[in-house]
Amino acid sequence: MSSTLKSIGAILVGLIAVVVLSTLTDVILESTGLMQTNPFDANPWWLIVIVIIYRNVYSTAGCYFAARLAPNKPMRHAMILGFIGLALSIAGTIVMWNIPPHWYPLTLIALALPSAWLGGRLYS
């Protein structure tokens, strides 16, 4: 298998891990009645902070996986995934801007690259 395919695979594994873990946790919190997704701002501020924390823990883990599975330059792979996460966070913020609280998606944007760096650093 070529190095390029291994690199793409490493980044995809990290991205899939982040998406699956975040979605699964959201579904569990919503199905148990601990969290509302509609309207999201009906949740207490402290629960929204917990959502931000677990999303960033998962993001860090996904970037760690990308770095670990990378055929070379693990930090570069973690940061590429971080930039993908940053772009997705920005797109999500734009699309969902009408849904408060606005500090939630802005915080995810602000933490995307530090989480990626940490994931890569934990592997290195």
PDB file of N, CA and C in Angstrom:
ATOM      1  N   MET A   1       0.859  -1.184   0.000  1.00  0.00           N
ATOM      2  CA  MET A   1       0.000   0.000   0.000  1.00  0.00           C
ATOM      3  C   MET A   1       0.900   1.241   0.000  1.00  0.00           C
ATOM      4  N   SER A   2       0.528   2.207  -0.773  1.00  0.00           N
ATOM      5  CA  SER A   2       1.359   3.404  -0.882  1.00  0.00           C
ATOM      6  C   SER A   2       1.260   4.263   0.379  1.00  0.00           C
ATOM      7  N   SER A   3       2.264   5.072   0.567  1.00  0.00           N
ATOM      8  CA  SER A   3       2.309   5.975   1.712  1.00  0.00           C
ATOM      9  C   SER A   3       1.131   6.953   1.686  1.00  0.00           C
ATOM     10  N   THR A   4       0.750   7.396   0.491  1.00  0.00           N
ATOM     11  CA  THR A   4      -0.371   8.335   0.372  1.00  0.00           C
ATOM     12  C   THR A   4      -1.673   7.696   0.836  1.00  0.00           C
ATOM     13  N   LEU A   5      -1.905   6.449   0.443  1.00  0.00           N
ATOM     14  CA  LEU A   5      -3.127   5.755   0.877  1.00  0.00           C
ATOM     15  C   LEU A   5      -3.120   5.517   2.380  1.00  0.00           C
ATOM     16  N   LYS A   6      -1.960   5.197   2.934  1.00  0.00           N
ATOM     17  CA  LYS A   6      -1.850   5.019   4.385  1.00  0.00           C
ATOM     18  C   LYS A   6      -2.141   6.334   5.104  1.00  0.00           C
ATOM     19  N   SER A   7      -1.660   7.431   4.550  1.00  0.00           N
ATOM     20  CA  SER A   7      -1.907   8.745   5.148  1.00  0.00           C
ATOM     21  C   SER A   7      -3.399   9.075   5.126  1.00  0.00           C
ATOM     22  N   ILE A   8      -4.027   8.861   3.987  1.00  0.00           N
ATOM     23  CA  ILE A   8      -5.470   9.118   3.870  1.00  0.00           C
ATOM     24  C   ILE A   8      -6.237   8.228   4.839  1.00  0.00           C
ATOM     25  N   GLY A   9      -5.840   6.963   4.914  1.00  0.00           N
ATOM     26  CA  GLY A   9      -6.491   6.034   5.838  1.00  0.00           C
ATOM     27  C   GLY A   9      -6.344   6.463   7.287  1.00  0.00           C
ATOM     28  N   ALA A  10      -5.156   6.917   7.668  1.00  0.00           N
ATOM     29  CA  ALA A  10      -4.918   7.361   9.047  1.00  0.00           C
ATOM     30  C   ALA A  10      -5.822   8.534   9.392  1.00  0.00           C
ATOM     31  N   ILE A  11      -5.924   9.484   8.485  1.00  0.00           N
ATOM     32  CA  ILE A  11      -6.764  10.659   8.731  1.00  0.00           C
ATOM     33  C   ILE A  11      -8.240  10.263   8.762  1.00  0.00           C
ATOM     34  N   LEU A  12      -8.650   9.370   7.864  1.00  0.00           N
ATOM     35  CA  LEU A  12     -10.052   8.915   7.858  1.00  0.00           C
ATOM     36  C   LEU A  12     -10.410   8.170   9.135  1.00  0.00           C
ATOM     37  N   VAL A  13      -9.502   7.327   9.623  1.00  0.00           N
ATOM     38  CA  VAL A  13      -9.761   6.609  10.879  1.00  0.00           C
ATOM     39  C   VAL A  13      -9.967   7.605  12.010  1.00  0.00           C
ATOM     40  N   GLY A  14      -9.111   8.608  12.082  1.00  0.00           N
ATOM     41  CA  GLY A  14      -9.254   9.626  13.124  1.00  0.00           C
ATOM     42  C   GLY A  14     -10.561  10.381  13.004  1.00  0.00           C
ATOM     43  N   LEU A  15     -10.916  10.776  11.779  1.00  0.00           N
ATOM     44  CA  LEU A  15     -12.166  11.512  11.555  1.00  0.00           C
ATOM     45  C   LEU A  15     -13.377  10.659  11.908  1.00  0.00           C
ATOM     46  N   ILE A  16     -13.373   9.411  11.485  1.00  0.00           N
ATOM     47  CA  ILE A  16     -14.501   8.514  11.788  1.00  0.00           C
ATOM     48  C   ILE A  16     -14.622   8.313  13.288  1.00  0.00           C
ATOM     49  N   ALA A  17     -13.501   8.166  13.979  1.00  0.00           N
ATOM     50  CA  ALA A  17     -13.538   7.999  15.436  1.00  0.00           C
ATOM     51  C   ALA A  17     -14.200   9.198  16.102  1.00  0.00           C
ATOM     52  N   VAL A  18     -13.832  10.400  15.676  1.00  0.00           N
ATOM     53  CA  VAL A  18     -14.411  11.616  16.265  1.00  0.00           C
ATOM     54  C   VAL A  18     -15.912  11.669  16.007  1.00  0.00           C
ATOM     55  N   VAL A  19     -16.315  11.426  14.775  1.00  0.00           N
ATOM     56  CA  VAL A  19     -17.730  11.520  14.413  1.00  0.00           C
ATOM     57  C   VAL A  19     -18.555  10.458  15.144  1.00  0.00           C
ATOM     58  N   VAL A  20     -18.073   9.222  15.159  1.00  0.00           N
ATOM     59  CA  VAL A  20     -18.820   8.135  15.805  1.00  0.00           C
ATOM     60  C   VAL A  20     -18.930   8.373  17.309  1.00  0.00           C
ATOM     61  N   LEU A  21     -17.824   8.704  17.957  1.00  0.00           N
ATOM     62  CA  LEU A  21     -17.861   8.920  19.406  1.00  0.00           C
ATOM     63  C   LEU A  21     -18.752  10.101  19.778  1.00  0.00           C
ATOM     64  N   SER A  22     -18.649  11.196  19.033  1.00  0.00           N
ATOM     65  CA  SER A  22     -19.473  12.376  19.331  1.00  0.00           C
ATOM     66  C   SER A  22     -20.947  12.079  19.117  1.00  0.00           C
ATOM     67  N   THR A  23     -21.264  11.454  18.000  1.00  0.00           N
ATOM     68  CA  THR A  23     -22.666  11.139  17.697  1.00  0.00           C
ATOM     69  C   THR A  23     -23.234  10.162  18.705  1.00  0.00           C
ATOM     70  N   LEU A  24     -22.484   9.133  19.037  1.00  0.00           N
ATOM     71  CA  LEU A  24     -22.947   8.136  19.998  1.00  0.00           C
ATOM     72  C   LEU A  24     -23.205   8.762  21.367  1.00  0.00           C
ATOM     73  N   THR A  25     -22.303   9.619  21.813  1.00  0.00           N
ATOM     74  CA  THR A  25     -22.487  10.286  23.102  1.00  0.00           C
ATOM     75  C   THR A  25     -23.704  11.205  23.063  1.00  0.00           C
ATOM     76  N   ASP A  26     -23.873  11.941  21.969  1.00  0.00           N
ATOM     77  CA  ASP A  26     -25.059  12.803  21.821  1.00  0.00           C
ATOM     78  C   ASP A  26     -26.337  11.982  21.891  1.00  0.00           C
ATOM     79  N   VAL A  27     -26.369  10.860  21.183  1.00  0.00           N
ATOM     80  CA  VAL A  27     -27.563  10.007  21.161  1.00  0.00           C
ATOM     81  C   VAL A  27     -27.861   9.464  22.555  1.00  0.00           C
ATOM     82  N   ILE A  28     -26.825   9.033  23.259  1.00  0.00           N
ATOM     83  CA  ILE A  28     -27.023   8.509  24.627  1.00  0.00           C
ATOM     84  C   ILE A  28     -27.558   9.605  25.547  1.00  0.00           C
ATOM     85  N   LEU A  29     -26.959  10.785  25.494  1.00  0.00           N
ATOM     86  CA  LEU A  29     -27.419  11.880  26.358  1.00  0.00           C
ATOM     87  C   LEU A  29     -28.847  12.296  26.020  1.00  0.00           C
ATOM     88  N   GLU A  30     -29.173  12.297  24.736  1.00  0.00           N
ATOM     89  CA  GLU A  30     -30.524  12.682  24.339  1.00  0.00           C
ATOM     90  C   GLU A  30     -31.541  11.593  24.699  1.00  0.00           C
ATOM     91  N   SER A  31     -31.195  10.330  24.488  1.00  0.00           N
ATOM     92  CA  SER A  31     -32.141   9.242  24.762  1.00  0.00           C
ATOM     93  C   SER A  31     -32.407   9.069  26.251  1.00  0.00           C
ATOM     94  N   THR A  32     -31.454   9.458  27.085  1.00  0.00           N
ATOM     95  CA  THR A  32     -31.660   9.368  28.536  1.00  0.00           C
ATOM     96  C   THR A  32     -32.357  10.615  29.087  1.00  0.00           C
ATOM     97  N   GLY A  33     -32.573  11.607  28.223  1.00  0.00           N
ATOM     98  CA  GLY A  33     -33.228  12.828  28.651  1.00  0.00           C
ATOM     99  C   GLY A  33     -32.314  13.835  29.327  1.00  0.00           C
ATOM    100  N   LEU A  34     -31.025  13.549  29.329  1.00  0.00           N
ATOM    101  CA  LEU A  34     -30.077  14.470  29.961  1.00  0.00           C
ATOM    102  C   LEU A  34     -29.798  15.696  29.106  1.00  0.00           C
ATOM    103  N   MET A  35     -29.972  15.550  27.771  1.00  0.00           N
ATOM    104  CA  MET A  35     -29.668  16.653  26.874  1.00  0.00           C
ATOM    105  C   MET A  35     -30.779  16.787  25.837  1.00  0.00           C
ATOM    106  N   GLN A  36     -31.080  18.037  25.491  1.00  0.00           N
ATOM    107  CA  GLN A  36     -32.022  18.320  24.416  1.00  0.00           C
ATOM    108  C   GLN A  36     -31.241  18.850  23.224  1.00  0.00           C
ATOM    109  N   THR A  37     -31.599  18.369  22.046  1.00  0.00           N
ATOM    110  CA  THR A  37     -30.954  18.921  20.861  1.00  0.00           C
ATOM    111  C   THR A  37     -31.834  19.963  20.191  1.00  0.00           C
ATOM    112  N   ASN A  38     -33.112  19.937  20.513  1.00  0.00           N
ATOM    113  CA  ASN A  38     -34.024  20.915  19.920  1.00  0.00           C
ATOM    114  C   ASN A  38     -35.022  21.384  20.972  1.00  0.00           C
ATOM    115  N   PRO A  39     -34.883  22.539  21.518  1.00  0.00           N
ATOM    116  CA  PRO A  39     -33.849  23.549  21.264  1.00  0.00           C
ATOM    117  C   PRO A  39     -32.610  23.282  22.117  1.00  0.00           C
ATOM    118  N   PHE A  40     -31.460  23.420  21.491  1.00  0.00           N
ATOM    119  CA  PHE A  40     -30.196  23.141  22.170  1.00  0.00           C
ATOM    120  C   PHE A  40     -29.950  24.100  23.321  1.00  0.00           C
ATOM    121  N   ASP A  41     -30.381  25.343  23.156  1.00  0.00           N
ATOM    122  CA  ASP A  41     -30.132  26.338  24.210  1.00  0.00           C
ATOM    123  C   ASP A  41     -31.025  26.140  25.430  1.00  0.00           C
ATOM    124  N   ALA A  42     -31.916  25.147  25.397  1.00  0.00           N
ATOM    125  CA  ALA A  42     -32.709  24.819  26.587  1.00  0.00           C
ATOM    126  C   ALA A  42     -31.869  24.069  27.616  1.00  0.00           C
ATOM    127  N   ASN A  43     -30.720  23.580  27.203  1.00  0.00           N
ATOM    128  CA  ASN A  43     -29.824  22.883  28.125  1.00  0.00           C
ATOM    129  C   ASN A  43     -29.135  23.900  29.029  1.00  0.00           C
ATOM    130  N   PRO A  44     -28.853  23.505  30.271  1.00  0.00           N
ATOM    131  CA  PRO A  44     -28.110  24.424  31.149  1.00  0.00           C
ATOM    132  C   PRO A  44     -26.696  24.641  30.603  1.00  0.00           C
ATOM    133  N   TRP A  45     -26.138  25.798  30.932  1.00  0.00           N
ATOM    134  CA  TRP A  45     -24.821  26.155  30.423  1.00  0.00           C
ATOM    135  C   TRP A  45     -23.764  25.124  30.768  1.00  0.00           C
ATOM    136  N   TRP A  46     -23.865  24.529  31.970  1.00  0.00           N
ATOM    137  CA  TRP A  46     -22.851  23.574  32.411  1.00  0.00           C
ATOM    138  C   TRP A  46     -22.890  22.292  31.574  1.00  0.00           C
ATOM    139  N   LEU A  47     -24.075  21.905  31.085  1.00  0.00           N
ATOM    140  CA  LEU A  47     -24.168  20.730  30.227  1.00  0.00           C
ATOM    141  C   LEU A  47     -23.544  21.024  28.860  1.00  0.00           C
ATOM    142  N   ILE A  48     -23.752  22.232  28.369  1.00  0.00           N
ATOM    143  CA  ILE A  48     -23.143  22.621  27.095  1.00  0.00           C
ATOM    144  C   ILE A  48     -21.619  22.631  27.231  1.00  0.00           C
ATOM    145  N   VAL A  49     -21.111  23.044  28.380  1.00  0.00           N
ATOM    146  CA  VAL A  49     -19.667  22.999  28.627  1.00  0.00           C
ATOM    147  C   VAL A  49     -19.178  21.547  28.627  1.00  0.00           C
ATOM    148  N   ILE A  50     -19.959  20.644  29.206  1.00  0.00           N
ATOM    149  CA  ILE A  50     -19.595  19.219  29.193  1.00  0.00           C
ATOM    150  C   ILE A  50     -19.563  18.692  27.756  1.00  0.00           C
ATOM    151  N   VAL A  51     -20.520  19.122  26.936  1.00  0.00           N
ATOM    152  CA  VAL A  51     -20.530  18.718  25.525  1.00  0.00           C
ATOM    153  C   VAL A  51     -19.248  19.208  24.836  1.00  0.00           C
ATOM    154  N   ILE A  52     -18.869  20.439  25.092  1.00  0.00           N
ATOM    155  CA  ILE A  52     -17.631  20.982  24.516  1.00  0.00           C
ATOM    156  C   ILE A  52     -16.433  20.153  24.977  1.00  0.00           C
ATOM    157  N   ILE A  53     -16.406  19.791  26.240  1.00  0.00           N
ATOM    158  CA  ILE A  53     -15.281  19.014  26.773  1.00  0.00           C
ATOM    159  C   ILE A  53     -15.201  17.656  26.109  1.00  0.00           C
ATOM    160  N   TYR A  54     -16.320  16.915  26.045  1.00  0.00           N
ATOM    161  CA  TYR A  54     -16.204  15.580  25.465  1.00  0.00           C
ATOM    162  C   TYR A  54     -15.927  15.639  23.970  1.00  0.00           C
ATOM    163  N   ARG A  55     -16.433  16.628  23.289  1.00  0.00           N
ATOM    164  CA  ARG A  55     -16.126  16.750  21.860  1.00  0.00           C
ATOM    165  C   ARG A  55     -14.633  17.018  21.650  1.00  0.00           C
ATOM    166  N   ASN A  56     -14.036  17.798  22.532  1.00  0.00           N
ATOM    167  CA  ASN A  56     -12.607  18.073  22.399  1.00  0.00           C
ATOM    168  C   ASN A  56     -11.751  16.897  22.840  1.00  0.00           C
ATOM    169  N   VAL A  57     -12.202  16.145  23.816  1.00  0.00           N
ATOM    170  CA  VAL A  57     -11.498  14.912  24.185  1.00  0.00           C
ATOM    171  C   VAL A  57     -11.522  13.942  23.003  1.00  0.00           C
ATOM    172  N   TYR A  58     -12.687  13.800  22.363  1.00  0.00           N
ATOM    173  CA  TYR A  58     -12.793  12.912  21.205  1.00  0.00           C
ATOM    174  C   TYR A  58     -11.960  13.429  20.035  1.00  0.00           C
ATOM    175  N   SER A  59     -11.927  14.721  19.851  1.00  0.00           N
ATOM    176  CA  SER A  59     -11.122  15.313  18.790  1.00  0.00           C
ATOM    177  C   SER A  59      -9.634  15.041  19.035  1.00  0.00           C
ATOM    178  N   THR A  60      -9.210  15.202  20.264  1.00  0.00           N
ATOM    179  CA  THR A  60      -7.831  14.904  20.628  1.00  0.00           C
ATOM    180  C   THR A  60      -7.515  13.434  20.374  1.00  0.00           C
ATOM    181  N   ALA A  61      -8.443  12.556  20.743  1.00  0.00           N
ATOM    182  CA  ALA A  61      -8.242  11.115  20.526  1.00  0.00           C
ATOM    183  C   ALA A  61      -8.177  10.798  19.032  1.00  0.00           C
ATOM    184  N   GLY A  62      -9.051  11.394  18.238  1.00  0.00           N
ATOM    185  CA  GLY A  62      -9.031  11.156  16.798  1.00  0.00           C
ATOM    186  C   GLY A  62      -7.718  11.605  16.174  1.00  0.00           C
ATOM    187  N   CYS A  63      -7.204  12.722  16.622  1.00  0.00           N
ATOM    188  CA  CYS A  63      -5.926  13.219  16.104  1.00  0.00           C
ATOM    189  C   CYS A  63      -4.770  12.344  16.578  1.00  0.00           C
ATOM    190  N   TYR A  64      -4.898  11.795  17.773  1.00  0.00           N
ATOM    191  CA  TYR A  64      -3.913  10.824  18.256  1.00  0.00           C
ATOM    192  C   TYR A  64      -3.906   9.593  17.352  1.00  0.00           C
ATOM    193  N   PHE A  65      -5.094   9.077  17.017  1.00  0.00           N
ATOM    194  CA  PHE A  65      -5.185   7.915  16.127  1.00  0.00           C
ATOM    195  C   PHE A  65      -4.574   8.214  14.766  1.00  0.00           C
ATOM    196  N   ALA A  66      -4.870   9.407  14.242  1.00  0.00           N
ATOM    197  CA  ALA A  66      -4.309   9.794  12.941  1.00  0.00           C
ATOM    198  C   ALA A  66      -2.781   9.818  13.010  1.00  0.00           C
ATOM    199  N   ALA A  67      -2.245  10.361  14.086  1.00  0.00           N
ATOM    200  CA  ALA A  67      -0.790  10.420  14.254  1.00  0.00           C
ATOM    201  C   ALA A  67      -0.205   9.011  14.409  1.00  0.00           C
ATOM    202  N   ARG A  68      -0.853   8.197  15.196  1.00  0.00           N
ATOM    203  CA  ARG A  68      -0.359   6.843  15.464  1.00  0.00           C
ATOM    204  C   ARG A  68      -0.348   5.977  14.200  1.00  0.00           C
ATOM    205  N   LEU A  69      -1.357   6.140  13.370  1.00  0.00           N
ATOM    206  CA  LEU A  69      -1.474   5.317  12.165  1.00  0.00           C
ATOM    207  C   LEU A  69      -0.723   5.904  10.967  1.00  0.00           C
ATOM    208  N   ALA A  70      -0.202   7.112  11.118  1.00  0.00           N
ATOM    209  CA  ALA A  70       0.485   7.780  10.015  1.00  0.00           C
ATOM    210  C   ALA A  70       1.751   7.017   9.627  1.00  0.00           C
ATOM    211  N   PRO A  71       2.004   6.877   8.323  1.00  0.00           N
ATOM    212  CA  PRO A  71       3.218   6.183   7.891  1.00  0.00           C
ATOM    213  C   PRO A  71       4.486   6.997   8.174  1.00  0.00           C
ATOM    214  N   ASN A  72       4.342   8.313   8.288  1.00  0.00           N
ATOM    215  CA  ASN A  72       5.451   9.208   8.625  1.00  0.00           C
ATOM    216  C   ASN A  72       4.855  10.547   9.044  1.00  0.00           C
ATOM    217  N   LYS A  73       5.662  11.398   9.618  1.00  0.00           N
ATOM    218  CA  LYS A  73       5.230  12.737  10.045  1.00  0.00           C
ATOM    219  C   LYS A  73       3.888  12.713  10.791  1.00  0.00           C
ATOM    220  N   PRO A  74       3.866  12.093  11.959  1.00  0.00           N
ATOM    221  CA  PRO A  74       2.601  11.947  12.699  1.00  0.00           C
ATOM    222  C   PRO A  74       1.945  13.276  13.079  1.00  0.00           C
ATOM    223  N   MET A  75       2.745  14.265  13.461  1.00  0.00           N
ATOM    224  CA  MET A  75       2.144  15.549  13.848  1.00  0.00           C
ATOM    225  C   MET A  75       1.453  16.206  12.660  1.00  0.00           C
ATOM    226  N   ARG A  76       2.004  16.062  11.489  1.00  0.00           N
ATOM    227  CA  ARG A  76       1.376  16.627  10.292  1.00  0.00           C
ATOM    228  C   ARG A  76      -0.003  15.995  10.077  1.00  0.00           C
ATOM    229  N   HIS A  77      -0.100  14.689  10.277  1.00  0.00           N
ATOM    230  CA  HIS A  77      -1.383  14.010  10.102  1.00  0.00           C
ATOM    231  C   HIS A  77      -2.397  14.489  11.143  1.00  0.00           C
ATOM    232  N   ALA A  78      -1.956  14.629  12.380  1.00  0.00           N
ATOM    233  CA  ALA A  78      -2.848  15.134  13.427  1.00  0.00           C
ATOM    234  C   ALA A  78      -3.340  16.533  13.087  1.00  0.00           C
ATOM    235  N   MET A  79      -2.443  17.374  12.601  1.00  0.00           N
ATOM    236  CA  MET A  79      -2.826  18.755  12.283  1.00  0.00           C
ATOM    237  C   MET A  79      -3.701  18.837  11.033  1.00  0.00           C
ATOM    238  N   ILE A  80      -3.479  17.961  10.061  1.00  0.00           N
ATOM    239  CA  ILE A  80      -4.377  17.932   8.900  1.00  0.00           C
ATOM    240  C   ILE A  80      -5.789  17.613   9.365  1.00  0.00           C
ATOM    241  N   LEU A  81      -5.910  16.615  10.238  1.00  0.00           N
ATOM    242  CA  LEU A  81      -7.232  16.298  10.779  1.00  0.00           C
ATOM    243  C   LEU A  81      -7.777  17.487  11.576  1.00  0.00           C
ATOM    244  N   GLY A  82      -6.913  18.182  12.294  1.00  0.00           N
ATOM    245  CA  GLY A  82      -7.337  19.364  13.032  1.00  0.00           C
ATOM    246  C   GLY A  82      -7.875  20.449  12.115  1.00  0.00           C
ATOM    247  N   PHE A  83      -7.223  20.658  10.984  1.00  0.00           N
ATOM    248  CA  PHE A  83      -7.706  21.658  10.028  1.00  0.00           C
ATOM    249  C   PHE A  83      -9.019  21.215   9.377  1.00  0.00           C
ATOM    250  N   ILE A  84      -9.180  19.914   9.167  1.00  0.00           N
ATOM    251  CA  ILE A  84     -10.475  19.410   8.676  1.00  0.00           C
ATOM    252  C   ILE A  84     -11.546  19.694   9.715  1.00  0.00           C
ATOM    253  N   GLY A  85     -11.245  19.416  10.988  1.00  0.00           N
ATOM    254  CA  GLY A  85     -12.187  19.707  12.064  1.00  0.00           C
ATOM    255  C   GLY A  85     -12.499  21.194  12.170  1.00  0.00           C
ATOM    256  N   LEU A  86     -11.481  22.021  11.991  1.00  0.00           N
ATOM    257  CA  LEU A  86     -11.684  23.469  12.017  1.00  0.00           C
ATOM    258  C   LEU A  86     -12.627  23.894  10.896  1.00  0.00           C
ATOM    259  N   ALA A  87     -12.391  23.394   9.693  1.00  0.00           N
ATOM    260  CA  ALA A  87     -13.248  23.738   8.560  1.00  0.00           C
ATOM    261  C   ALA A  87     -14.684  23.265   8.785  1.00  0.00           C
ATOM    262  N   LEU A  88     -14.848  22.061   9.313  1.00  0.00           N
ATOM    263  CA  LEU A  88     -16.190  21.549   9.592  1.00  0.00           C
ATOM    264  C   LEU A  88     -16.876  22.358  10.692  1.00  0.00           C
ATOM    265  N   SER A  89     -16.110  22.772  11.691  1.00  0.00           N
ATOM    266  CA  SER A  89     -16.672  23.592  12.772  1.00  0.00           C
ATOM    267  C   SER A  89     -17.116  24.958  12.248  1.00  0.00           C
ATOM    268  N   ILE A  90     -16.317  25.550  11.385  1.00  0.00           N
ATOM    269  CA  ILE A  90     -16.682  26.841  10.802  1.00  0.00           C
ATOM    270  C   ILE A  90     -17.939  26.690   9.946  1.00  0.00           C
ATOM    271  N   ALA A  91     -17.965  25.646   9.122  1.00  0.00           N
ATOM    272  CA  ALA A  91     -19.147  25.412   8.277  1.00  0.00           C
ATOM    273  C   ALA A  91     -20.389  25.180   9.129  1.00  0.00           C
ATOM    274  N   GLY A  92     -20.253  24.380  10.178  1.00  0.00           N
ATOM    275  CA  GLY A  92     -21.383  24.133  11.077  1.00  0.00           C
ATOM    276  C   GLY A  92     -21.863  25.392  11.766  1.00  0.00           C
ATOM    277  N   THR A  93     -20.927  26.233  12.151  1.00  0.00           N
ATOM    278  CA  THR A  93     -21.283  27.497  12.794  1.00  0.00           C
ATOM    279  C   THR A  93     -22.072  28.383  11.844  1.00  0.00           C
ATOM    280  N   ILE A  94     -21.634  28.469  10.600  1.00  0.00           N
ATOM    281  CA  ILE A  94     -22.323  29.299   9.617  1.00  0.00           C
ATOM    282  C   ILE A  94     -23.730  28.762   9.349  1.00  0.00           C
ATOM    283  N   VAL A  95     -23.826  27.452   9.132  1.00  0.00           N
ATOM    284  CA  VAL A  95     -25.124  26.844   8.808  1.00  0.00           C
ATOM    285  C   VAL A  95     -26.104  26.931   9.979  1.00  0.00           C
ATOM    286  N   MET A  96     -25.589  26.770  11.198  1.00  0.00           N
ATOM    287  CA  MET A  96     -26.461  26.705  12.377  1.00  0.00           C
ATOM    288  C   MET A  96     -26.440  27.991  13.215  1.00  0.00           C
ATOM    289  N   TRP A  97     -26.028  29.104  12.626  1.00  0.00           N
ATOM    290  CA  TRP A  97     -25.873  30.340  13.385  1.00  0.00           C
ATOM    291  C   TRP A  97     -27.171  30.791  14.045  1.00  0.00           C
ATOM    292  N   ASN A  98     -28.306  30.433  13.489  1.00  0.00           N
ATOM    293  CA  ASN A  98     -29.588  30.859  14.056  1.00  0.00           C
ATOM    294  C   ASN A  98     -29.946  30.093  15.327  1.00  0.00           C
ATOM    295  N   ILE A  99     -29.153  29.086  15.689  1.00  0.00           N
ATOM    296  CA  ILE A  99     -29.437  28.285  16.885  1.00  0.00           C
ATOM    297  C   ILE A  99     -28.500  28.728  18.009  1.00  0.00           C
ATOM    298  N   PRO A 100     -29.054  29.318  19.063  1.00  0.00           N
ATOM    299  CA  PRO A 100     -28.194  29.734  20.183  1.00  0.00           C
ATOM    300  C   PRO A 100     -27.813  28.522  21.042  1.00  0.00           C
ATOM    301  N   PRO A 101     -26.843  28.644  21.906  1.00  0.00           N
ATOM    302  CA  PRO A 101     -26.014  29.813  22.174  1.00  0.00           C
ATOM    303  C   PRO A 101     -24.846  29.888  21.190  1.00  0.00           C
ATOM    304  N   HIS A 102     -24.497  31.080  20.786  1.00  0.00           N
ATOM    305  CA  HIS A 102     -23.444  31.266  19.794  1.00  0.00           C
ATOM    306  C   HIS A 102     -22.048  30.960  20.344  1.00  0.00           C
ATOM    307  N   TRP A 103     -21.873  31.029  21.650  1.00  0.00           N
ATOM    308  CA  TRP A 103     -20.562  30.748  22.224  1.00  0.00           C
ATOM    309  C   TRP A 103     -20.181  29.274  22.084  1.00  0.00           C
ATOM    310  N   TYR A 104     -21.173  28.399  21.933  1.00  0.00           N
ATOM    311  CA  TYR A 104     -20.880  26.959  21.799  1.00  0.00           C
ATOM    312  C   TYR A 104     -20.080  26.660  20.530  1.00  0.00           C
ATOM    313  N   PRO A 105     -20.574  26.994  19.333  1.00  0.00           N
ATOM    314  CA  PRO A 105     -19.778  26.668  18.143  1.00  0.00           C
ATOM    315  C   PRO A 105     -18.489  27.491  18.040  1.00  0.00           C
ATOM    316  N   LEU A 106     -18.510  28.712  18.574  1.00  0.00           N
ATOM    317  CA  LEU A 106     -17.296  29.529  18.542  1.00  0.00           C
ATOM    318  C   LEU A 106     -16.197  28.893  19.400  1.00  0.00           C
ATOM    319  N   THR A 107     -16.599  28.282  20.508  1.00  0.00           N
ATOM    320  CA  THR A 107     -15.632  27.588  21.364  1.00  0.00           C
ATOM    321  C   THR A 107     -15.066  26.362  20.652  1.00  0.00           C
ATOM    322  N   LEU A 108     -15.926  25.635  19.932  1.00  0.00           N
ATOM    323  CA  LEU A 108     -15.436  24.478  19.173  1.00  0.00           C
ATOM    324  C   LEU A 108     -14.425  24.905  18.115  1.00  0.00           C
ATOM    325  N   ILE A 109     -14.687  26.034  17.462  1.00  0.00           N
ATOM    326  CA  ILE A 109     -13.739  26.559  16.475  1.00  0.00           C
ATOM    327  C   ILE A 109     -12.406  26.882  17.150  1.00  0.00           C
ATOM    328  N   ALA A 110     -12.487  27.579  18.282  1.00  0.00           N
ATOM    329  CA  ALA A 110     -11.273  28.011  18.982  1.00  0.00           C
ATOM    330  C   ALA A 110     -10.436  26.837  19.474  1.00  0.00           C
ATOM    331  N   LEU A 111     -11.070  25.721  19.796  1.00  0.00           N
ATOM    332  CA  LEU A 111     -10.348  24.585  20.368  1.00  0.00           C
ATOM    333  C   LEU A 111      -9.953  23.517  19.349  1.00  0.00           C
ATOM    334  N   ALA A 112     -10.361  23.663  18.103  1.00  0.00           N
ATOM    335  CA  ALA A 112     -10.085  22.631  17.094  1.00  0.00           C
ATOM    336  C   ALA A 112      -8.586  22.380  16.914  1.00  0.00           C
ATOM    337  N   LEU A 113      -7.818  23.412  16.692  1.00  0.00           N
ATOM    338  CA  LEU A 113      -6.385  23.216  16.450  1.00  0.00           C
ATOM    339  C   LEU A 113      -5.599  22.871  17.717  1.00  0.00           C
ATOM    340  N   PRO A 114      -5.906  23.476  18.876  1.00  0.00           N
ATOM    341  CA  PRO A 114      -5.211  23.019  20.091  1.00  0.00           C
ATOM    342  C   PRO A 114      -5.472  21.541  20.403  1.00  0.00           C
ATOM    343  N   SER A 115      -6.683  21.075  20.152  1.00  0.00           N
ATOM    344  CA  SER A 115      -6.989  19.649  20.370  1.00  0.00           C
ATOM    345  C   SER A 115      -6.184  18.773  19.424  1.00  0.00           C
ATOM    346  N   ALA A 116      -6.071  19.209  18.171  1.00  0.00           N
ATOM    347  CA  ALA A 116      -5.298  18.448  17.191  1.00  0.00           C
ATOM    348  C   ALA A 116      -3.821  18.402  17.590  1.00  0.00           C
ATOM    349  N   TRP A 117      -3.298  19.546  17.997  1.00  0.00           N
ATOM    350  CA  TRP A 117      -1.902  19.601  18.427  1.00  0.00           C
ATOM    351  C   TRP A 117      -1.672  18.664  19.611  1.00  0.00           C
ATOM    352  N   LEU A 118      -2.601  18.686  20.575  1.00  0.00           N
ATOM    353  CA  LEU A 118      -2.455  17.826  21.747  1.00  0.00           C
ATOM    354  C   LEU A 118      -2.494  16.351  21.363  1.00  0.00           C
ATOM    355  N   GLY A 119      -3.402  15.994  20.456  1.00  0.00           N
ATOM    356  CA  GLY A 119      -3.472  14.604  20.008  1.00  0.00           C
ATOM    357  C   GLY A 119      -2.164  14.155  19.363  1.00  0.00           C
ATOM    358  N   GLY A 120      -1.619  15.005  18.509  1.00  0.00           N
ATOM    359  CA  GLY A 120      -0.335  14.688  17.882  1.00  0.00           C
ATOM    360  C   GLY A 120       0.799  14.637  18.888  1.00  0.00           C
ATOM    361  N   ARG A 121       0.764  15.553  19.827  1.00  0.00           N
ATOM    362  CA  ARG A 121       1.822  15.617  20.858  1.00  0.00           C
ATOM    363  C   ARG A 121       1.757  14.397  21.775  1.00  0.00           C
ATOM    364  N   LEU A 122       0.548  13.946  22.108  1.00  0.00           N
ATOM    365  CA  LEU A 122       0.415  12.764  22.970  1.00  0.00           C
ATOM    366  C   LEU A 122       1.031  11.534  22.308  1.00  0.00           C
ATOM    367  N   TYR A 123       0.930  11.465  20.993  1.00  0.00           N
ATOM    368  CA  TYR A 123       1.556  10.343  20.298  1.00  0.00           C
ATOM    369  C   TYR A 123       3.076  10.504  20.251  1.00  0.00           C
ATOM    370  N   SER A 124       3.517  11.712  19.973  1.00  0.00           N
ATOM    371  CA  SER A 124       4.970  11.943  19.805  1.00  0.00           C
ATOM    372  C   SER A 124       5.655  11.726  21.089  1.00  0.00           C
TER     373      SER A 124
END
